[in-house]
C-alpha atoms as a PDB file:
ATOM      1  CA  UNK A   1     155.904 -17.785  -4.051  1.00  0.00           C
ATOM      2  CA  UNK A   2     154.710 -15.055  -1.684  1.00  0.00           C
ATOM      3  CA  UNK A   3     155.661 -13.850   1.672  1.00  0.00           C
ATOM      4  CA  UNK A   4     153.383 -14.995   4.231  1.00  0.00           C
ATOM      5  CA  UNK A   5     152.860 -15.473   8.046  1.00  0.00           C
ATOM      6  CA  UNK A   6     153.878 -18.408   9.706  1.00  0.00           C
ATOM      7  CA  UNK A   7     152.002 -19.900  12.231  1.00  0.00           C
ATOM      8  CA  UNK A   8     152.548 -22.094  15.230  1.00  0.00           C
ATOM      9  CA  UNK A   9     155.983 -22.992  16.100  1.00  0.00           C
ATOM     10  CA  UNK A  10     156.872 -21.316  13.879  1.00  0.00           C
ATOM     11  CA  UNK A  11     155.952 -18.067  14.253  1.00  0.00           C
ATOM     12  CA  UNK A  12     157.992 -18.280  17.139  1.00  0.00           C
ATOM     13  CA  UNK A  13     160.893 -17.587  14.729  1.00  0.00           C
ATOM     14  CA  UNK A  14     159.661 -14.422  12.542  1.00  0.00           C
ATOM     15  CA  UNK A  15     156.548 -12.850  12.076  1.00  0.00           C
ATOM     16  CA  UNK A  16     156.822 -13.294   8.133  1.00  0.00           C
ATOM     17  CA  UNK A  17     158.056 -15.292   5.688  1.00  0.00           C
ATOM     18  CA  UNK A  18     159.138 -16.878   2.011  1.00  0.00           C
ATOM     19  CA  UNK A  19     159.618 -20.128   0.803  1.00  0.00           C
ATOM     20  CA  UNK A  20     160.992 -20.284  -2.751  1.00  0.00           C
ATOM     21  CA  UNK A  21     162.815 -24.190  -2.766  1.00  0.00           C
ATOM     22  CA  UNK A  22     161.048 -27.204  -2.236  1.00  0.00           C
ATOM     23  CA  UNK A  23     162.907 -29.493  -0.439  1.00  0.00           C
ATOM     24  CA  UNK A  24     166.714 -29.766   1.005  1.00  0.00           C
ATOM     25  CA  UNK A  25     169.676 -31.887   0.619  1.00  0.00           C
ATOM     26  CA  UNK A  26     170.673 -31.880   4.087  1.00  0.00           C
ATOM     27  CA  UNK A  27     169.393 -35.061   5.191  1.00  0.00           C
ATOM     28  CA  UNK A  28     168.424 -34.380   8.773  1.00  0.00           C
ATOM     29  CA  UNK A  29     166.553 -36.853  10.547  1.00  0.00           C
ATOM     30  CA  UNK A  30     164.817 -34.498  12.507  1.00  0.00           C
ATOM     31  CA  UNK A  31     163.168 -32.326   9.867  1.00  0.00           C
ATOM     32  CA  UNK A  32     159.742 -31.806  10.278  1.00  0.00           C
ATOM     33  CA  UNK A  33     159.343 -30.839   6.998  1.00  0.00           C
ATOM     34  CA  UNK A  34     158.623 -34.486   5.512  1.00  0.00           C
ATOM     35  CA  UNK A  35     156.363 -35.865   7.379  1.00  0.00           C
ATOM     36  CA  UNK A  36     154.484 -32.517   6.966  1.00  0.00           C
ATOM     37  CA  UNK A  37     154.317 -32.840   3.497  1.00  0.00           C
ATOM     38  CA  UNK A  38     153.862 -36.161   3.334  1.00  0.00           C
ATOM     39  CA  UNK A  39     150.201 -36.369   4.933  1.00  0.00           C
ATOM     40  CA  UNK A  40     149.559 -34.412   1.838  1.00  0.00           C
ATOM     41  CA  UNK A  41     151.877 -36.163  -0.579  1.00  0.00           C
ATOM     42  CA  UNK A  42     152.807 -40.147  -0.374  1.00  0.00           C
ATOM     43  CA  UNK A  43     155.557 -39.867  -2.498  1.00  0.00           C
ATOM     44  CA  UNK A  44     156.948 -36.792  -1.338  1.00  0.00           C
ATOM     45  CA  UNK A  45     160.905 -36.919  -1.047  1.00  0.00           C
ATOM     46  CA  UNK A  46     162.507 -33.924   0.931  1.00  0.00           C
ATOM     47  CA  UNK A  47     165.628 -34.604  -0.602  1.00  0.00           C
ATOM     48  CA  UNK A  48     165.151 -33.922  -4.423  1.00  0.00           C
ATOM     49  CA  UNK A  49     165.510 -30.082  -4.203  1.00  0.00           C
ATOM     50  CA  UNK A  50     163.641 -27.719  -6.830  1.00  0.00           C
ATOM     51  CA  UNK A  51     163.372 -23.915  -7.273  1.00  0.00           C
ATOM     52  CA  UNK A  52     160.096 -21.823  -7.542  1.00  0.00           C
ATOM     53  CA  UNK A  53     161.756 -18.478  -8.688  1.00  0.00           C
ATOM     54  CA  UNK A  54     158.686 -16.446  -9.236  1.00  0.00           C
ATOM     55  CA  UNK A  55     160.025 -12.472  -8.767  1.00  0.00           C
ATOM     56  CA  UNK A  56     157.175 -10.787 -10.302  1.00  0.00           C
ATOM     57  CA  UNK A  57     155.222 -12.748  -7.630  1.00  0.00           C
ATOM     58  CA  UNK A  58     157.154 -12.209  -4.764  1.00  0.00           C
ATOM     59  CA  UNK A  59     157.616  -7.941  -6.075  1.00  0.00           C
ATOM     60  CA  UNK A  60     153.810  -8.227  -6.239  1.00  0.00           C
ATOM     61  CA  UNK A  61     153.059  -9.238  -2.580  1.00  0.00           C
ATOM     62  CA  UNK A  62     155.501  -6.641  -1.340  1.00  0.00           C
ATOM     63  CA  UNK A  63     153.222  -4.386  -3.493  1.00  0.00           C
ATOM     64  CA  UNK A  64     150.372  -5.587  -1.630  1.00  0.00           C
ATOM     65  CA  UNK A  65     151.642  -5.483   1.701  1.00  0.00           C
ATOM     66  CA  UNK A  66     151.111  -2.502   4.155  1.00  0.00           C
ATOM     67  CA  UNK A  67     153.619  -0.205   5.720  1.00  0.00           C
ATOM     68  CA  UNK A  68     152.800  -1.420   9.298  1.00  0.00           C
ATOM     69  CA  UNK A  69     153.559  -5.039   7.143  1.00  0.00           C
ATOM     70  CA  UNK A  70     156.225  -4.360   5.603  1.00  0.00           C
ATOM     71  CA  UNK A  71     158.850  -2.989   8.930  1.00  0.00           C
ATOM     72  CA  UNK A  72     158.328  -6.797   9.773  1.00  0.00           C
ATOM     73  CA  UNK A  73     160.959  -9.474   9.391  1.00  0.00           C
ATOM     74  CA  UNK A  74     160.795 -11.673   6.973  1.00  0.00           C
ATOM     75  CA  UNK A  75     162.534 -15.131   6.894  1.00  0.00           C
ATOM     76  CA  UNK A  76     164.403 -16.896   4.079  1.00  0.00           C
ATOM     77  CA  UNK A  77     162.892 -19.840   5.321  1.00  0.00           C
ATOM     78  CA  UNK A  78     161.479 -22.821   6.426  1.00  0.00           C
ATOM     79  CA  UNK A  79     160.891 -25.412   4.269  1.00  0.00           C
ATOM     80  CA  UNK A  80     164.297 -25.586   2.452  1.00  0.00           C
ATOM     81  CA  UNK A  81     167.856 -23.502   3.325  1.00  0.00           C
ATOM     82  CA  UNK A  82     168.261 -20.649   1.205  1.00  0.00           C
ATOM     83  CA  UNK A  83     171.792 -22.122   0.170  1.00  0.00           C
ATOM     84  CA  UNK A  84     170.893 -25.954  -0.199  1.00  0.00           C
ATOM     85  CA  UNK A  85     173.539 -27.405  -2.503  1.00  0.00           C
ATOM     86  CA  UNK A  86     171.681 -26.984  -5.164  1.00  0.00           C
ATOM     87  CA  UNK A  87     171.060 -23.097  -4.332  1.00  0.00           C
ATOM     88  CA  UNK A  88     172.782 -21.222  -7.598  1.00  0.00           C
ATOM     89  CA  UNK A  89     172.046 -17.515  -7.274  1.00  0.00           C
ATOM     90  CA  UNK A  90     168.346 -17.599  -6.249  1.00  0.00           C
ATOM     91  CA  UNK A  91     168.591 -16.450  -3.139  1.00  0.00           C
ATOM     92  CA  UNK A  92     170.614 -13.796  -4.091  1.00  0.00           C
ATOM     93  CA  UNK A  93     167.760 -12.392  -6.387  1.00  0.00           C
ATOM     94  CA  UNK A  94     165.669 -12.819  -3.905  1.00  0.00           C
ATOM     95  CA  UNK A  95     167.429 -10.425  -1.854  1.00  0.00           C
ATOM     96  CA  UNK A  96     167.850  -8.317  -4.876  1.00  0.00           C
ATOM     97  CA  UNK A  97     164.127  -7.760  -4.875  1.00  0.00           C
ATOM     98  CA  UNK A  98     163.660  -7.161  -0.793  1.00  0.00           C
ATOM     99  CA  UNK A  99     166.710  -4.580  -0.625  1.00  0.00           C
ATOM    100  CA  UNK A 100     164.603  -2.874  -3.201  1.00  0.00           C
ATOM    101  CA  UNK A 101     162.309  -2.340  -0.905  1.00  0.00           C
ATOM    102  CA  UNK A 102     164.179  -2.484   2.230  1.00  0.00           C
ATOM    103  CA  UNK A 103     162.469  -5.425   3.738  1.00  0.00           C
ATOM    104  CA  UNK A 104     163.841  -6.302   7.328  1.00  0.00           C
ATOM    105  CA  UNK A 105     165.229 -10.059   6.222  1.00  0.00           C
ATOM    106  CA  UNK A 106     166.564 -12.573   8.584  1.00  0.00           C
ATOM    107  CA  UNK A 107     168.705 -15.829   7.123  1.00  0.00           C
ATOM    108  CA  UNK A 108     168.564 -18.867   8.670  1.00  0.00           C
ATOM    109  CA  UNK A 109     170.852 -21.805   6.557  1.00  0.00           C
ATOM    110  CA  UNK A 110     173.104 -24.758   7.828  1.00  0.00           C
ATOM    111  CA  UNK A 111     175.323 -23.075   4.832  1.00  0.00           C
ATOM    112  CA  UNK A 112     176.837 -19.299   6.140  1.00  0.00           C
ATOM    113  CA  UNK A 113     179.862 -20.355   4.207  1.00  0.00           C
ATOM    114  CA  UNK A 114     178.227 -20.415   0.775  1.00  0.00           C
ATOM    115  CA  UNK A 115     176.852 -17.621   2.083  1.00  0.00           C
ATOM    116  CA  UNK A 116     179.576 -15.824   2.219  1.00  0.00           C
ATOM    117  CA  UNK A 117     179.732 -15.222  -1.939  1.00  0.00           C
ATOM    118  CA  UNK A 118     176.751 -12.034  -1.253  1.00  0.00           C
ATOM    119  CA  UNK A 119     178.109 -10.887   1.794  1.00  0.00           C
ATOM    120  CA  UNK A 120     178.007  -7.237  -0.206  1.00  0.00           C
ATOM    121  CA  UNK A 121     174.310  -7.546  -0.504  1.00  0.00           C
ATOM    122  CA  UNK A 122     173.832  -8.437   2.959  1.00  0.00           C
ATOM    123  CA  UNK A 123     175.666  -5.129   3.828  1.00  0.00           C
ATOM    124  CA  UNK A 124     173.365  -3.107   1.856  1.00  0.00           C
ATOM    125  CA  UNK A 125     170.408  -4.267   4.016  1.00  0.00           C
ATOM    126  CA  UNK A 126     169.409  -1.351   6.721  1.00  0.00           C
ATOM    127  CA  UNK A 127     168.064  -4.392   8.597  1.00  0.00           C
ATOM    128  CA  UNK A 128     169.298  -7.483   8.034  1.00  0.00           C
ATOM    129  CA  UNK A 129     170.897 -11.137  10.016  1.00  0.00           C
ATOM    130  CA  UNK A 130     171.881 -14.598   9.408  1.00  0.00           C
ATOM    131  CA  UNK A 131     171.792 -17.737  11.411  1.00  0.00           C
ATOM    132  CA  UNK A 132     172.296 -21.253  11.800  1.00  0.00           C
ATOM    133  CA  UNK A 133     171.263 -24.129  13.092  1.00  0.00           C
ATOM    134  CA  UNK A 134     173.973 -26.075  15.472  1.00  0.00           C
ATOM    135  CA  UNK A 135     172.803 -29.237  17.541  1.00  0.00           C
ATOM    136  CA  UNK A 136     175.950 -30.851  18.170  1.00  0.00           C
ATOM    137  CA  UNK A 137     179.675 -30.126  19.073  1.00  0.00           C
ATOM    138  CA  UNK A 138     180.660 -33.671  18.302  1.00  0.00           C
ATOM    139  CA  UNK A 139     181.097 -33.908  14.749  1.00  0.00           C
ATOM    140  CA  UNK A 140     180.041 -37.637  14.434  1.00  0.00           C
ATOM    141  CA  UNK A 141     177.010 -36.480  16.298  1.00  0.00           C
ATOM    142  CA  UNK A 142     176.639 -34.305  13.942  1.00  0.00           C
ATOM    143  CA  UNK A 143     176.872 -36.424  11.124  1.00  0.00           C
ATOM    144  CA  UNK A 144     174.858 -39.117  12.041  1.00  0.00           C
ATOM    145  CA  UNK A 145     171.680 -36.595  12.622  1.00  0.00           C
ATOM    146  CA  UNK A 146     172.605 -34.380  10.114  1.00  0.00           C
ATOM    147  CA  UNK A 147     173.948 -36.622   7.390  1.00  0.00           C
ATOM    148  CA  UNK A 148     174.786 -34.128   4.475  1.00  0.00           C
ATOM    149  CA  UNK A 149     175.211 -30.859   5.665  1.00  0.00           C
ATOM    150  CA  UNK A 150     177.908 -28.528   6.888  1.00  0.00           C
ATOM    151  CA  UNK A 151     179.550 -29.751   9.351  1.00  0.00           C
ATOM    152  CA  UNK A 152     179.180 -27.771  12.785  1.00  0.00           C
ATOM    153  CA  UNK A 153     182.925 -26.558  12.500  1.00  0.00           C
ATOM    154  CA  UNK A 154     181.900 -25.069   9.320  1.00  0.00           C
ATOM    155  CA  UNK A 155     178.885 -23.000  10.502  1.00  0.00           C
ATOM    156  CA  UNK A 156     180.526 -21.645  13.443  1.00  0.00           C
ATOM    157  CA  UNK A 157     183.587 -20.531  10.910  1.00  0.00           C
ATOM    158  CA  UNK A 158     180.862 -18.372   8.989  1.00  0.00           C
ATOM    159  CA  UNK A 159     179.290 -16.767  11.555  1.00  0.00           C
ATOM    160  CA  UNK A 160     182.472 -15.666  13.220  1.00  0.00           C
ATOM    161  CA  UNK A 161     183.281 -13.992   9.385  1.00  0.00           C
ATOM    162  CA  UNK A 162     179.835 -12.052   9.600  1.00  0.00           C
ATOM    163  CA  UNK A 163     180.006 -11.119  12.746  1.00  0.00           C
ATOM    164  CA  UNK A 164     183.873  -9.782  11.809  1.00  0.00           C
ATOM    165  CA  UNK A 165     181.933  -8.215   8.692  1.00  0.00           C
ATOM    166  CA  UNK A 166     179.579  -6.103  11.768  1.00  0.00           C
ATOM    167  CA  UNK A 167     176.781  -8.315  10.331  1.00  0.00           C
ATOM    168  CA  UNK A 168     174.172  -9.280  13.222  1.00  0.00           C
ATOM    169  CA  UNK A 169     174.270 -13.287  13.847  1.00  0.00           C
ATOM    170  CA  UNK A 170     172.315 -15.211  15.382  1.00  0.00           C
ATOM    171  CA  UNK A 171     172.118 -19.714  16.203  1.00  0.00           C
ATOM    172  CA  UNK A 172     168.659 -21.302  16.665  1.00  0.00           C
ATOM    173  CA  UNK A 173     169.773 -24.376  19.512  1.00  0.00           C
ATOM    174  CA  UNK A 174     166.871 -25.950  18.257  1.00  0.00           C
ATOM    175  CA  UNK A 175     166.347 -29.200  18.512  1.00  0.00           C
ATOM    176  CA  UNK A 176     168.223 -29.518  21.022  1.00  0.00           C
ATOM    177  CA  UNK A 177     168.987 -33.681  21.207  1.00  0.00           C
ATOM    178  CA  UNK A 178     171.978 -34.238  23.559  1.00  0.00           C
ATOM    179  CA  UNK A 179     171.872 -30.988  26.086  1.00  0.00           C
ATOM    180  CA  UNK A 180     175.425 -31.791  27.095  1.00  0.00           C
ATOM    181  CA  UNK A 181     176.367 -30.793  23.346  1.00  0.00           C
ATOM    182  CA  UNK A 182     174.093 -28.184  23.233  1.00  0.00           C
ATOM    183  CA  UNK A 183     175.505 -26.456  26.408  1.00  0.00           C
ATOM    184  CA  UNK A 184     179.143 -26.359  24.998  1.00  0.00           C
ATOM    185  CA  UNK A 185     178.106 -24.832  21.660  1.00  0.00           C
ATOM    186  CA  UNK A 186     176.519 -22.234  23.817  1.00  0.00           C
ATOM    187  CA  UNK A 187     180.006 -21.664  25.548  1.00  0.00           C
ATOM    188  CA  UNK A 188     181.582 -22.188  22.058  1.00  0.00           C
ATOM    189  CA  UNK A 189     179.597 -20.072  20.509  1.00  0.00           C
ATOM    190  CA  UNK A 190     179.486 -16.497  22.630  1.00  0.00           C
ATOM    191  CA  UNK A 191     180.858 -14.782  20.064  1.00  0.00           C
ATOM    192  CA  UNK A 192     177.017 -14.499  18.890  1.00  0.00           C
ATOM    193  CA  UNK A 193     174.459 -11.790  18.317  1.00  0.00           C
ATOM    194  CA  UNK A 194     171.441 -13.847  20.020  1.00  0.00           C
ATOM    195  CA  UNK A 195     170.593 -17.314  20.214  1.00  0.00           C
ATOM    196  CA  UNK A 196     166.793 -19.023  20.110  1.00  0.00           C
ATOM    197  CA  UNK A 197     166.477 -22.265  21.908  1.00  0.00           C
ATOM    198  CA  UNK A 198     163.686 -25.275  21.196  1.00  0.00           C
ATOM    199  CA  UNK A 199     163.208 -28.372  23.167  1.00  0.00           C
ATOM    200  CA  UNK A 200     163.562 -31.708  20.824  1.00  0.00           C
ATOM    201  CA  UNK A 201     159.368 -32.663  20.143  1.00  0.00           C
ATOM    202  CA  UNK A 202     158.161 -36.128  19.594  1.00  0.00           C
ATOM    203  CA  UNK A 203     161.041 -37.751  18.231  1.00  0.00           C
ATOM    204  CA  UNK A 204     161.432 -41.641  19.043  1.00  0.00           C
ATOM    205  CA  UNK A 205     160.317 -40.335  22.895  1.00  0.00           C
ATOM    206  CA  UNK A 206     163.685 -39.349  22.701  1.00  0.00           C
ATOM    207  CA  UNK A 207     162.270 -36.140  24.260  1.00  0.00           C
ATOM    208  CA  UNK A 208     161.055 -37.958  27.067  1.00  0.00           C
ATOM    209  CA  UNK A 209     163.792 -38.868  28.907  1.00  0.00           C
ATOM    210  CA  UNK A 210     165.344 -35.735  29.246  1.00  0.00           C
ATOM    211  CA  UNK A 211     165.554 -33.564  31.794  1.00  0.00           C
ATOM    212  CA  UNK A 212     164.056 -30.143  30.196  1.00  0.00           C
ATOM    213  CA  UNK A 213     164.365 -28.061  33.315  1.00  0.00           C
ATOM    214  CA  UNK A 214     167.457 -28.488  34.809  1.00  0.00           C
ATOM    215  CA  UNK A 215     168.594 -27.958  31.031  1.00  0.00           C
ATOM    216  CA  UNK A 216     166.521 -24.385  30.659  1.00  0.00           C
ATOM    217  CA  UNK A 217     168.888 -23.677  34.249  1.00  0.00           C
ATOM    218  CA  UNK A 218     172.310 -24.384  32.742  1.00  0.00           C
ATOM    219  CA  UNK A 219     171.698 -22.880  29.580  1.00  0.00           C
ATOM    220  CA  UNK A 220     170.259 -18.805  30.466  1.00  0.00           C
ATOM    221  CA  UNK A 221     172.949 -19.482  33.387  1.00  0.00           C
ATOM    222  CA  UNK A 222     175.777 -19.389  30.156  1.00  0.00           C
ATOM    223  CA  UNK A 223     174.040 -17.272  27.962  1.00  0.00           C
ATOM    224  CA  UNK A 224     173.293 -14.411  30.339  1.00  0.00           C
ATOM    225  CA  UNK A 225     176.721 -15.184  31.943  1.00  0.00           C
ATOM    226  CA  UNK A 226     177.543 -14.804  27.829  1.00  0.00           C
ATOM    227  CA  UNK A 227     175.787 -11.524  27.811  1.00  0.00           C
ATOM    228  CA  UNK A 228     174.378 -13.044  24.807  1.00  0.00           C
ATOM    229  CA  UNK A 229     170.273 -12.103  24.196  1.00  0.00           C
ATOM    230  CA  UNK A 230     168.202 -15.333  24.070  1.00  0.00           C
ATOM    231  CA  UNK A 231     164.655 -16.301  23.503  1.00  0.00           C
ATOM    232  CA  UNK A 232     163.243 -19.723  24.602  1.00  0.00           C
ATOM    233  CA  UNK A 233     160.640 -21.517  22.839  1.00  0.00           C
ATOM    234  CA  UNK A 234     157.281 -21.585  24.145  1.00  0.00           C
ATOM    235  CA  UNK A 235     157.725 -25.253  24.233  1.00  0.00           C
ATOM    236  CA  UNK A 236     160.985 -25.343  26.282  1.00  0.00           C
ATOM    237  CA  UNK A 237     159.808 -22.729  28.464  1.00  0.00           C
ATOM    238  CA  UNK A 238     156.830 -24.940  29.775  1.00  0.00           C
ATOM    239  CA  UNK A 239     159.128 -27.083  31.796  1.00  0.00           C
ATOM    240  CA  UNK A 240     160.191 -23.376  33.578  1.00  0.00           C
ATOM    241  CA  UNK A 241     160.629 -24.624  37.170  1.00  0.00           C
ATOM    242  CA  UNK A 242     162.824 -21.981  39.463  1.00  0.00           C
ATOM    243  CA  UNK A 243     164.502 -19.315  36.788  1.00  0.00           C
ATOM    244  CA  UNK A 244     163.640 -16.249  36.112  1.00  0.00           C
ATOM    245  CA  UNK A 245     162.779 -15.262  32.528  1.00  0.00           C
ATOM    246  CA  UNK A 246     161.810 -11.628  31.801  1.00  0.00           C
ATOM    247  CA  UNK A 247     159.278 -10.749  29.556  1.00  0.00           C
ATOM    248  CA  UNK A 248     161.762 -10.448  26.278  1.00  0.00           C
ATOM    249  CA  UNK A 249     163.384 -13.598  26.714  1.00  0.00           C
ATOM    250  CA  UNK A 250     159.867 -15.354  26.226  1.00  0.00           C
ATOM    251  CA  UNK A 251     158.193 -12.599  23.885  1.00  0.00           C
ATOM    252  CA  UNK A 252     158.449 -14.476  20.378  1.00  0.00           C
ATOM    253  CA  UNK A 253     159.523 -11.004  18.668  1.00  0.00           C
ATOM    254  CA  UNK A 254     161.805  -9.916  20.906  1.00  0.00           C
ATOM    255  CA  UNK A 255     165.103 -10.853  18.823  1.00  0.00           C
ATOM    256  CA  UNK A 256     163.589 -10.293  15.427  1.00  0.00           C
ATOM    257  CA  UNK A 257     165.035  -6.717  13.174  1.00  0.00           C
END
């Protein structure tokens, strides 16, 4: 249970990260963790959730960090959801350690409604943000792809709640599965502080049939119309044909807190 530096596509979300749950009970078809960990363990079952809550190890890893690294954002988390269905106060204990050392903290969860119980801690951070992944406005489609995850409506309502509390909020539009659905979501969530957008990758060839350049143009138009800051992930930016993207909008650290 140590703070670490993510690599590859994960690095585009945060310079540092922390994982303490293994497995997740949301049942998302597109989850990259199962195929990744199954390479090392053929019997791996991502729906089995466990927690490695070694707070002493976490504190030691913070104390070993340089002064510069302590000013970098730490994301909770990549291999699970910090507010998954099995979470029972573990995330609060982690947050208390991060708060103690004034660590810049970001949370990505599909269950912001559950995260409300820790609002008092969120408000004590000088540098903090909370976000959620959105894929479909159509709840039936969301249920098809994210079988056990909270509804899209509950995620949006949770983010509205935190926004009203003065907490920085963000959305991960990744993976984009149906471009029309994502564009509707961008319009519906114009209240958000910022977003990151990344395409669907290597899922049964579905990504090969999408005009990503057209989608990118439409998404950027809507975000700029609503004055929402954004970052376009590298895999999507490569399809850009005629849209000007500023240095910030393709800078992976632009939206870090």
